[in-house]
């Protein structure tokens, strides 16, 4: 069985940015709710996941070109690359 290599976006990370606040910065502006939170590893913005109505983290990744997020949920330790659709745990 071959081991899948880690994409260049995930491999380039030298530290993991964590959420400064456990809220979706965009949902707060509009009074909306979210399901789970993700923190962008390029700029540190924390936004809602694809299970949330607004999918702000995905929208941010596609609009900004920032490829990697980390789960900001307590007890979850994984990163996701939107470009390569790859997840790694840490």
PDB file of N, CA and C in Angstrom:
ATOM      1  N   UNK A   1       0.844  -1.179   0.000  1.00  0.00           N
ATOM      2  CA  UNK A   1       0.000   0.000   0.000  1.00  0.00           C
ATOM      3  C   UNK A   1       0.886   1.238   0.000  1.00  0.00           C
ATOM      4  N   UNK A   2       0.622   2.153  -0.930  1.00  0.00           N
ATOM      5  CA  UNK A   2       1.451   3.356  -1.007  1.00  0.00           C
ATOM      6  C   UNK A   2       0.901   4.429  -0.070  1.00  0.00           C
ATOM      7  N   UNK A   3       1.803   5.219   0.450  1.00  0.00           N
ATOM      8  CA  UNK A   3       1.418   6.301   1.349  1.00  0.00           C
ATOM      9  C   UNK A   3       1.263   7.576   0.521  1.00  0.00           C
ATOM     10  N   UNK A   4       0.136   8.260   0.691  1.00  0.00           N
ATOM     11  CA  UNK A   4      -0.100   9.497  -0.045  1.00  0.00           C
ATOM     12  C   UNK A   4       0.803  10.583   0.515  1.00  0.00           C
ATOM     13  N   UNK A   5       1.436  11.334  -0.383  1.00  0.00           N
ATOM     14  CA  UNK A   5       2.294  12.411   0.081  1.00  0.00           C
ATOM     15  C   UNK A   5       1.447  13.628   0.455  1.00  0.00           C
ATOM     16  N   UNK A   6       1.966  14.423   1.347  1.00  0.00           N
ATOM     17  CA  UNK A   6       1.280  15.627   1.801  1.00  0.00           C
ATOM     18  C   UNK A   6       1.459  16.705   0.737  1.00  0.00           C
ATOM     19  N   UNK A   7       0.385  17.422   0.425  1.00  0.00           N
ATOM     20  CA  UNK A   7       0.451  18.469  -0.598  1.00  0.00           C
ATOM     21  C   UNK A   7       1.406  19.588  -0.162  1.00  0.00           C
ATOM     22  N   UNK A   8       1.832  20.372  -1.122  1.00  0.00           N
ATOM     23  CA  UNK A   8       2.808  21.435  -0.844  1.00  0.00           C
ATOM     24  C   UNK A   8       2.249  22.515   0.089  1.00  0.00           C
ATOM     25  N   UNK A   9       0.933  22.754   0.025  1.00  0.00           N
ATOM     26  CA  UNK A   9       0.331  23.771   0.902  1.00  0.00           C
ATOM     27  C   UNK A   9       0.405  23.350   2.364  1.00  0.00           C
ATOM     28  N   UNK A  10       0.094  22.093   2.637  1.00  0.00           N
ATOM     29  CA  UNK A  10       0.165  21.574   4.005  1.00  0.00           C
ATOM     30  C   UNK A  10       1.616  21.440   4.462  1.00  0.00           C
ATOM     31  N   UNK A  11       2.484  20.982   3.561  1.00  0.00           N
ATOM     32  CA  UNK A  11       3.899  20.791   3.895  1.00  0.00           C
ATOM     33  C   UNK A  11       4.596  22.115   4.211  1.00  0.00           C
ATOM     34  N   UNK A  12       4.091  23.219   3.652  1.00  0.00           N
ATOM     35  CA  UNK A  12       4.727  24.525   3.842  1.00  0.00           C
ATOM     36  C   UNK A  12       4.453  25.140   5.217  1.00  0.00           C
ATOM     37  N   UNK A  13       3.475  24.609   5.943  1.00  0.00           N
ATOM     38  CA  UNK A  13       3.141  25.185   7.251  1.00  0.00           C
ATOM     39  C   UNK A  13       4.255  24.946   8.255  1.00  0.00           C
ATOM     40  N   UNK A  14       4.618  25.989   8.980  1.00  0.00           N
ATOM     41  CA  UNK A  14       5.640  25.849  10.014  1.00  0.00           C
ATOM     42  C   UNK A  14       5.055  26.020  11.411  1.00  0.00           C
ATOM     43  N   UNK A  15       3.849  26.596  11.482  1.00  0.00           N
ATOM     44  CA  UNK A  15       3.139  26.724  12.749  1.00  0.00           C
ATOM     45  C   UNK A  15       1.647  26.691  12.457  1.00  0.00           C
ATOM     46  N   UNK A  16       0.860  26.395  13.466  1.00  0.00           N
ATOM     47  CA  UNK A  16      -0.585  26.332  13.296  1.00  0.00           C
ATOM     48  C   UNK A  16      -1.222  27.519  13.994  1.00  0.00           C
ATOM     49  N   UNK A  17      -1.971  28.289  13.218  1.00  0.00           N
ATOM     50  CA  UNK A  17      -2.706  29.435  13.761  1.00  0.00           C
ATOM     51  C   UNK A  17      -3.992  28.916  14.393  1.00  0.00           C
ATOM     52  N   UNK A  18      -4.299  29.390  15.578  1.00  0.00           N
ATOM     53  CA  UNK A  18      -5.526  28.972  16.248  1.00  0.00           C
ATOM     54  C   UNK A  18      -6.491  30.154  16.324  1.00  0.00           C
ATOM     55  N   UNK A  19      -7.745  29.870  16.587  1.00  0.00           N
ATOM     56  CA  UNK A  19      -8.773  30.910  16.657  1.00  0.00           C
ATOM     57  C   UNK A  19      -8.498  31.860  17.810  1.00  0.00           C
ATOM     58  N   UNK A  20      -8.582  33.149  17.532  1.00  0.00           N
ATOM     59  CA  UNK A  20      -8.452  34.151  18.592  1.00  0.00           C
ATOM     60  C   UNK A  20      -9.742  34.210  19.389  1.00  0.00           C
ATOM     61  N   UNK A  21     -10.863  34.087  18.685  1.00  0.00           N
ATOM     62  CA  UNK A  21     -12.187  34.031  19.300  1.00  0.00           C
ATOM     63  C   UNK A  21     -12.938  32.890  18.637  1.00  0.00           C
ATOM     64  N   UNK A  22     -13.799  32.231  19.362  1.00  0.00           N
ATOM     65  CA  UNK A  22     -14.536  31.101  18.810  1.00  0.00           C
ATOM     66  C   UNK A  22     -15.886  31.548  18.265  1.00  0.00           C
ATOM     67  N   UNK A  23     -15.796  32.410  17.240  1.00  0.00           N
ATOM     68  CA  UNK A  23     -16.973  32.897  16.520  1.00  0.00           C
ATOM     69  C   UNK A  23     -16.624  33.010  15.048  1.00  0.00           C
ATOM     70  N   UNK A  24     -17.640  32.920  14.189  1.00  0.00           N
ATOM     71  CA  UNK A  24     -17.450  33.206  12.771  1.00  0.00           C
ATOM     72  C   UNK A  24     -17.516  34.717  12.608  1.00  0.00           C
ATOM     73  N   UNK A  25     -16.416  35.305  12.172  1.00  0.00           N
ATOM     74  CA  UNK A  25     -16.338  36.759  12.062  1.00  0.00           C
ATOM     75  C   UNK A  25     -17.387  37.323  11.107  1.00  0.00           C
ATOM     76  N   UNK A  26     -17.722  36.602  10.036  1.00  0.00           N
ATOM     77  CA  UNK A  26     -18.712  37.075   9.070  1.00  0.00           C
ATOM     78  C   UNK A  26     -20.140  36.856   9.567  1.00  0.00           C
ATOM     79  N   UNK A  27     -20.417  35.719  10.195  1.00  0.00           N
ATOM     80  CA  UNK A  27     -21.763  35.462  10.725  1.00  0.00           C
ATOM     81  C   UNK A  27     -22.133  36.467  11.811  1.00  0.00           C
ATOM     82  N   UNK A  28     -21.158  36.873  12.605  1.00  0.00           N
ATOM     83  CA  UNK A  28     -21.410  37.858  13.662  1.00  0.00           C
ATOM     84  C   UNK A  28     -21.923  39.166  13.048  1.00  0.00           C
ATOM     85  N   UNK A  29     -21.345  39.558  11.908  1.00  0.00           N
ATOM     86  CA  UNK A  29     -21.739  40.808  11.246  1.00  0.00           C
ATOM     87  C   UNK A  29     -23.200  40.786  10.800  1.00  0.00           C
ATOM     88  N   UNK A  30     -23.685  39.611  10.412  1.00  0.00           N
ATOM     89  CA  UNK A  30     -25.046  39.510   9.866  1.00  0.00           C
ATOM     90  C   UNK A  30     -26.045  38.898  10.841  1.00  0.00           C
ATOM     91  N   UNK A  31     -25.573  38.497  12.025  1.00  0.00           N
ATOM     92  CA  UNK A  31     -26.458  37.905  13.015  1.00  0.00           C
ATOM     93  C   UNK A  31     -26.833  36.463  12.716  1.00  0.00           C
ATOM     94  N   UNK A  32     -26.055  35.808  11.851  1.00  0.00           N
ATOM     95  CA  UNK A  32     -26.321  34.413  11.500  1.00  0.00           C
ATOM     96  C   UNK A  32     -25.636  33.470  12.485  1.00  0.00           C
ATOM     97  N   UNK A  33     -25.986  32.185  12.391  1.00  0.00           N
ATOM     98  CA  UNK A  33     -25.375  31.169  13.256  1.00  0.00           C
ATOM     99  C   UNK A  33     -24.506  30.250  12.415  1.00  0.00           C
ATOM    100  N   UNK A  34     -23.701  29.438  13.081  1.00  0.00           N
ATOM    101  CA  UNK A  34     -22.790  28.520  12.405  1.00  0.00           C
ATOM    102  C   UNK A  34     -22.806  27.184  13.113  1.00  0.00           C
ATOM    103  N   UNK A  35     -22.242  26.169  12.440  1.00  0.00           N
ATOM    104  CA  UNK A  35     -22.169  24.825  13.005  1.00  0.00           C
ATOM    105  C   UNK A  35     -20.794  24.590  13.626  1.00  0.00           C
ATOM    106  N   UNK A  36     -19.738  24.723  12.813  1.00  0.00           N
ATOM    107  CA  UNK A  36     -18.356  24.534  13.269  1.00  0.00           C
ATOM    108  C   UNK A  36     -17.496  25.657  12.711  1.00  0.00           C
ATOM    109  N   UNK A  37     -16.314  25.815  13.292  1.00  0.00           N
ATOM    110  CA  UNK A  37     -15.414  26.895  12.899  1.00  0.00           C
ATOM    111  C   UNK A  37     -14.104  26.375  12.328  1.00  0.00           C
ATOM    112  N   UNK A  38     -13.545  27.134  11.391  1.00  0.00           N
ATOM    113  CA  UNK A  38     -12.259  26.830  10.772  1.00  0.00           C
ATOM    114  C   UNK A  38     -11.418  28.106  10.790  1.00  0.00           C
ATOM    115  N   UNK A  39     -10.112  27.968  11.008  1.00  0.00           N
ATOM    116  CA  UNK A  39      -9.218  29.122  11.028  1.00  0.00           C
ATOM    117  C   UNK A  39      -8.249  29.048   9.859  1.00  0.00           C
ATOM    118  N   UNK A  40      -8.226  30.117   9.063  1.00  0.00           N
ATOM    119  CA  UNK A  40      -7.341  30.218   7.907  1.00  0.00           C
ATOM    120  C   UNK A  40      -5.884  30.221   8.378  1.00  0.00           C
ATOM    121  N   UNK A  41      -5.069  29.422   7.736  1.00  0.00           N
ATOM    122  CA  UNK A  41      -3.669  29.335   8.126  1.00  0.00           C
ATOM    123  C   UNK A  41      -2.799  30.393   7.461  1.00  0.00           C
ATOM    124  N   UNK A  42      -3.362  31.149   6.537  1.00  0.00           N
ATOM    125  CA  UNK A  42      -2.617  32.248   5.917  1.00  0.00           C
ATOM    126  C   UNK A  42      -2.794  33.538   6.695  1.00  0.00           C
ATOM    127  N   UNK A  43      -4.054  33.885   7.024  1.00  0.00           N
ATOM    128  CA  UNK A  43      -4.312  35.184   7.653  1.00  0.00           C
ATOM    129  C   UNK A  43      -4.875  35.104   9.070  1.00  0.00           C
ATOM    130  N   UNK A  44      -5.274  33.904   9.523  1.00  0.00           N
ATOM    131  CA  UNK A  44      -5.765  33.749  10.887  1.00  0.00           C
ATOM    132  C   UNK A  44      -7.239  34.043  11.085  1.00  0.00           C
ATOM    133  N   UNK A  45      -7.969  34.322  10.010  1.00  0.00           N
ATOM    134  CA  UNK A  45      -9.404  34.602  10.108  1.00  0.00           C
ATOM    135  C   UNK A  45     -10.154  33.326  10.470  1.00  0.00           C
ATOM    136  N   UNK A  46     -11.087  33.417  11.416  1.00  0.00           N
ATOM    137  CA  UNK A  46     -11.901  32.268  11.801  1.00  0.00           C
ATOM    138  C   UNK A  46     -13.297  32.443  11.233  1.00  0.00           C
ATOM    139  N   UNK A  47     -13.736  31.420  10.480  1.00  0.00           N
ATOM    140  CA  UNK A  47     -15.015  31.458   9.770  1.00  0.00           C
ATOM    141  C   UNK A  47     -15.731  30.121   9.875  1.00  0.00           C
ATOM    142  N   UNK A  48     -17.001  30.093   9.440  1.00  0.00           N
ATOM    143  CA  UNK A  48     -17.822  28.887   9.566  1.00  0.00           C
ATOM    144  C   UNK A  48     -17.530  27.852   8.475  1.00  0.00           C
ATOM    145  N   UNK A  49     -17.822  26.599   8.794  1.00  0.00           N
ATOM    146  CA  UNK A  49     -17.544  25.455   7.929  1.00  0.00           C
ATOM    147  C   UNK A  49     -18.615  25.258   6.853  1.00  0.00           C
ATOM    148  N   UNK A  50     -18.414  24.266   5.999  1.00  0.00           N
ATOM    149  CA  UNK A  50     -19.360  23.970   4.922  1.00  0.00           C
ATOM    150  C   UNK A  50     -20.671  23.369   5.416  1.00  0.00           C
ATOM    151  N   UNK A  51     -20.742  22.922   6.655  1.00  0.00           N
ATOM    152  CA  UNK A  51     -22.007  22.444   7.210  1.00  0.00           C
ATOM    153  C   UNK A  51     -22.859  23.615   7.706  1.00  0.00           C
ATOM    154  N   UNK A  52     -22.271  24.781   7.788  1.00  0.00           N
ATOM    155  CA  UNK A  52     -22.981  25.995   8.203  1.00  0.00           C
ATOM    156  C   UNK A  52     -23.678  26.607   6.988  1.00  0.00           C
ATOM    157  N   UNK A  53     -24.778  27.328   7.205  1.00  0.00           N
ATOM    158  CA  UNK A  53     -25.535  27.887   6.085  1.00  0.00           C
ATOM    159  C   UNK A  53     -24.723  28.776   5.140  1.00  0.00           C
ATOM    160  N   UNK A  54     -23.795  29.569   5.673  1.00  0.00           N
ATOM    161  CA  UNK A  54     -23.072  30.538   4.841  1.00  0.00           C
ATOM    162  C   UNK A  54     -21.741  30.056   4.269  1.00  0.00           C
ATOM    163  N   UNK A  55     -21.184  28.985   4.812  1.00  0.00           N
ATOM    164  CA  UNK A  55     -19.929  28.392   4.299  1.00  0.00           C
ATOM    165  C   UNK A  55     -18.826  29.448   4.115  1.00  0.00           C
ATOM    166  N   UNK A  56     -18.669  30.301   5.111  1.00  0.00           N
ATOM    167  CA  UNK A  56     -17.731  31.409   4.978  1.00  0.00           C
ATOM    168  C   UNK A  56     -16.274  30.977   4.810  1.00  0.00           C
ATOM    169  N   UNK A  57     -15.849  29.883   5.442  1.00  0.00           N
ATOM    170  CA  UNK A  57     -14.447  29.453   5.322  1.00  0.00           C
ATOM    171  C   UNK A  57     -14.123  29.069   3.881  1.00  0.00           C
ATOM    172  N   UNK A  58     -15.009  28.326   3.230  1.00  0.00           N
ATOM    173  CA  UNK A  58     -14.800  27.953   1.824  1.00  0.00           C
ATOM    174  C   UNK A  58     -14.801  29.176   0.926  1.00  0.00           C
ATOM    175  N   UNK A  59     -15.760  30.059   1.156  1.00  0.00           N
ATOM    176  CA  UNK A  59     -15.844  31.279   0.345  1.00  0.00           C
ATOM    177  C   UNK A  59     -14.567  32.102   0.487  1.00  0.00           C
ATOM    178  N   UNK A  60     -14.066  32.204   1.709  1.00  0.00           N
ATOM    179  CA  UNK A  60     -12.823  32.945   1.965  1.00  0.00           C
ATOM    180  C   UNK A  60     -11.652  32.292   1.222  1.00  0.00           C
ATOM    181  N   UNK A  61     -11.540  30.979   1.313  1.00  0.00           N
ATOM    182  CA  UNK A  61     -10.432  30.269   0.659  1.00  0.00           C
ATOM    183  C   UNK A  61     -10.447  30.491  -0.848  1.00  0.00           C
ATOM    184  N   UNK A  62     -11.608  30.387  -1.451  1.00  0.00           N
ATOM    185  CA  UNK A  62     -11.703  30.527  -2.904  1.00  0.00           C
ATOM    186  C   UNK A  62     -11.494  31.975  -3.358  1.00  0.00           C
ATOM    187  N   UNK A  63     -12.011  32.928  -2.597  1.00  0.00           N
ATOM    188  CA  UNK A  63     -11.876  34.339  -2.974  1.00  0.00           C
ATOM    189  C   UNK A  63     -10.466  34.877  -2.736  1.00  0.00           C
ATOM    190  N   UNK A  64      -9.825  34.425  -1.665  1.00  0.00           N
ATOM    191  CA  UNK A  64      -8.519  34.966  -1.274  1.00  0.00           C
ATOM    192  C   UNK A  64      -7.341  34.157  -1.805  1.00  0.00           C
ATOM    193  N   UNK A  65      -7.592  32.898  -2.145  1.00  0.00           N
ATOM    194  CA  UNK A  65      -6.487  32.023  -2.539  1.00  0.00           C
ATOM    195  C   UNK A  65      -5.737  31.444  -1.347  1.00  0.00           C
ATOM    196  N   UNK A  66      -6.268  31.613  -0.149  1.00  0.00           N
ATOM    197  CA  UNK A  66      -5.655  31.043   1.054  1.00  0.00           C
ATOM    198  C   UNK A  66      -6.076  29.576   1.127  1.00  0.00           C
ATOM    199  N   UNK A  67      -5.152  28.638   0.980  1.00  0.00           N
ATOM    200  CA  UNK A  67      -5.523  27.243   0.758  1.00  0.00           C
ATOM    201  C   UNK A  67      -5.864  26.389   1.971  1.00  0.00           C
ATOM    202  N   UNK A  68      -5.323  26.696   3.149  1.00  0.00           N
ATOM    203  CA  UNK A  68      -5.412  25.755   4.268  1.00  0.00           C
ATOM    204  C   UNK A  68      -6.151  26.347   5.472  1.00  0.00           C
ATOM    205  N   UNK A  69      -7.019  25.515   6.069  1.00  0.00           N
ATOM    206  CA  UNK A  69      -7.683  25.867   7.328  1.00  0.00           C
ATOM    207  C   UNK A  69      -7.402  24.768   8.348  1.00  0.00           C
ATOM    208  N   UNK A  70      -7.551  25.133   9.613  1.00  0.00           N
ATOM    209  CA  UNK A  70      -7.482  24.171  10.701  1.00  0.00           C
ATOM    210  C   UNK A  70      -8.847  24.159  11.376  1.00  0.00           C
ATOM    211  N   UNK A  71      -9.261  23.005  11.849  1.00  0.00           N
ATOM    212  CA  UNK A  71     -10.492  22.951  12.623  1.00  0.00           C
ATOM    213  C   UNK A  71     -10.276  23.714  13.917  1.00  0.00           C
ATOM    214  N   UNK A  72     -11.238  24.555  14.247  1.00  0.00           N
ATOM    215  CA  UNK A  72     -11.160  25.319  15.492  1.00  0.00           C
ATOM    216  C   UNK A  72     -12.099  24.763  16.550  1.00  0.00           C
ATOM    217  N   UNK A  73     -12.518  23.527  16.346  1.00  0.00           N
ATOM    218  CA  UNK A  73     -13.406  22.866  17.291  1.00  0.00           C
ATOM    219  C   UNK A  73     -12.586  22.183  18.388  1.00  0.00           C
ATOM    220  N   UNK A  74     -13.004  22.313  19.644  1.00  0.00           N
ATOM    221  CA  UNK A  74     -12.293  21.655  20.750  1.00  0.00           C
ATOM    222  C   UNK A  74     -12.171  20.150  20.499  1.00  0.00           C
ATOM    223  N   UNK A  75     -10.971  19.633  20.677  1.00  0.00           N
ATOM    224  CA  UNK A  75     -10.730  18.204  20.530  1.00  0.00           C
ATOM    225  C   UNK A  75     -10.439  17.750  19.112  1.00  0.00           C
ATOM    226  N   UNK A  76     -10.640  18.618  18.109  1.00  0.00           N
ATOM    227  CA  UNK A  76     -10.329  18.262  16.726  1.00  0.00           C
ATOM    228  C   UNK A  76      -8.947  18.789  16.377  1.00  0.00           C
ATOM    229  N   UNK A  77      -8.139  17.930  15.764  1.00  0.00           N
ATOM    230  CA  UNK A  77      -6.772  18.303  15.417  1.00  0.00           C
ATOM    231  C   UNK A  77      -6.496  17.897  13.977  1.00  0.00           C
ATOM    232  N   UNK A  78      -7.037  18.681  13.034  1.00  0.00           N
ATOM    233  CA  UNK A  78      -6.796  18.401  11.628  1.00  0.00           C
ATOM    234  C   UNK A  78      -6.745  19.684  10.814  1.00  0.00           C
ATOM    235  N   UNK A  79      -6.079  19.566   9.664  1.00  0.00           N
ATOM    236  CA  UNK A  79      -5.946  20.651   8.700  1.00  0.00           C
ATOM    237  C   UNK A  79      -6.549  20.190   7.384  1.00  0.00           C
ATOM    238  N   UNK A  80      -7.101  21.131   6.609  1.00  0.00           N
ATOM    239  CA  UNK A  80      -7.706  20.827   5.310  1.00  0.00           C
ATOM    240  C   UNK A  80      -7.158  21.791   4.270  1.00  0.00           C
ATOM    241  N   UNK A  81      -6.734  21.245   3.135  1.00  0.00           N
ATOM    242  CA  UNK A  81      -6.298  22.056   2.010  1.00  0.00           C
ATOM    243  C   UNK A  81      -7.429  22.083   0.983  1.00  0.00           C
ATOM    244  N   UNK A  82      -7.980  23.269   0.730  1.00  0.00           N
ATOM    245  CA  UNK A  82      -9.059  23.415  -0.238  1.00  0.00           C
ATOM    246  C   UNK A  82      -8.581  23.152  -1.660  1.00  0.00           C
ATOM    247  N   UNK A  83      -7.358  23.532  -1.984  1.00  0.00           N
ATOM    248  CA  UNK A  83      -6.831  23.378  -3.341  1.00  0.00           C
ATOM    249  C   UNK A  83      -6.682  21.903  -3.702  1.00  0.00           C
ATOM    250  N   UNK A  84      -6.051  21.157  -2.826  1.00  0.00           N
ATOM    251  CA  UNK A  84      -5.753  19.745  -3.107  1.00  0.00           C
ATOM    252  C   UNK A  84      -6.752  18.784  -2.473  1.00  0.00           C
ATOM    253  N   UNK A  85      -7.743  19.337  -1.761  1.00  0.00           N
ATOM    254  CA  UNK A  85      -8.755  18.529  -1.075  1.00  0.00           C
ATOM    255  C   UNK A  85      -8.107  17.414  -0.252  1.00  0.00           C
ATOM    256  N   UNK A  86      -7.170  17.835   0.588  1.00  0.00           N
ATOM    257  CA  UNK A  86      -6.427  16.889   1.405  1.00  0.00           C
ATOM    258  C   UNK A  86      -6.514  17.271   2.882  1.00  0.00           C
ATOM    259  N   UNK A  87      -6.708  16.272   3.735  1.00  0.00           N
ATOM    260  CA  UNK A  87      -6.782  16.474   5.173  1.00  0.00           C
ATOM    261  C   UNK A  87      -5.623  15.740   5.838  1.00  0.00           C
ATOM    262  N   UNK A  88      -5.048  16.372   6.848  1.00  0.00           N
ATOM    263  CA  UNK A  88      -4.047  15.712   7.672  1.00  0.00           C
ATOM    264  C   UNK A  88      -4.397  15.985   9.128  1.00  0.00           C
ATOM    265  N   UNK A  89      -4.101  15.017   9.975  1.00  0.00           N
ATOM    266  CA  UNK A  89      -4.272  15.202  11.420  1.00  0.00           C
ATOM    267  C   UNK A  89      -2.914  15.535  12.016  1.00  0.00           C
ATOM    268  N   UNK A  90      -2.928  16.155  13.167  1.00  0.00           N
ATOM    269  CA  UNK A  90      -1.674  16.488  13.841  1.00  0.00           C
ATOM    270  C   UNK A  90      -1.808  16.238  15.322  1.00  0.00           C
TER     271      UNK A  90
END
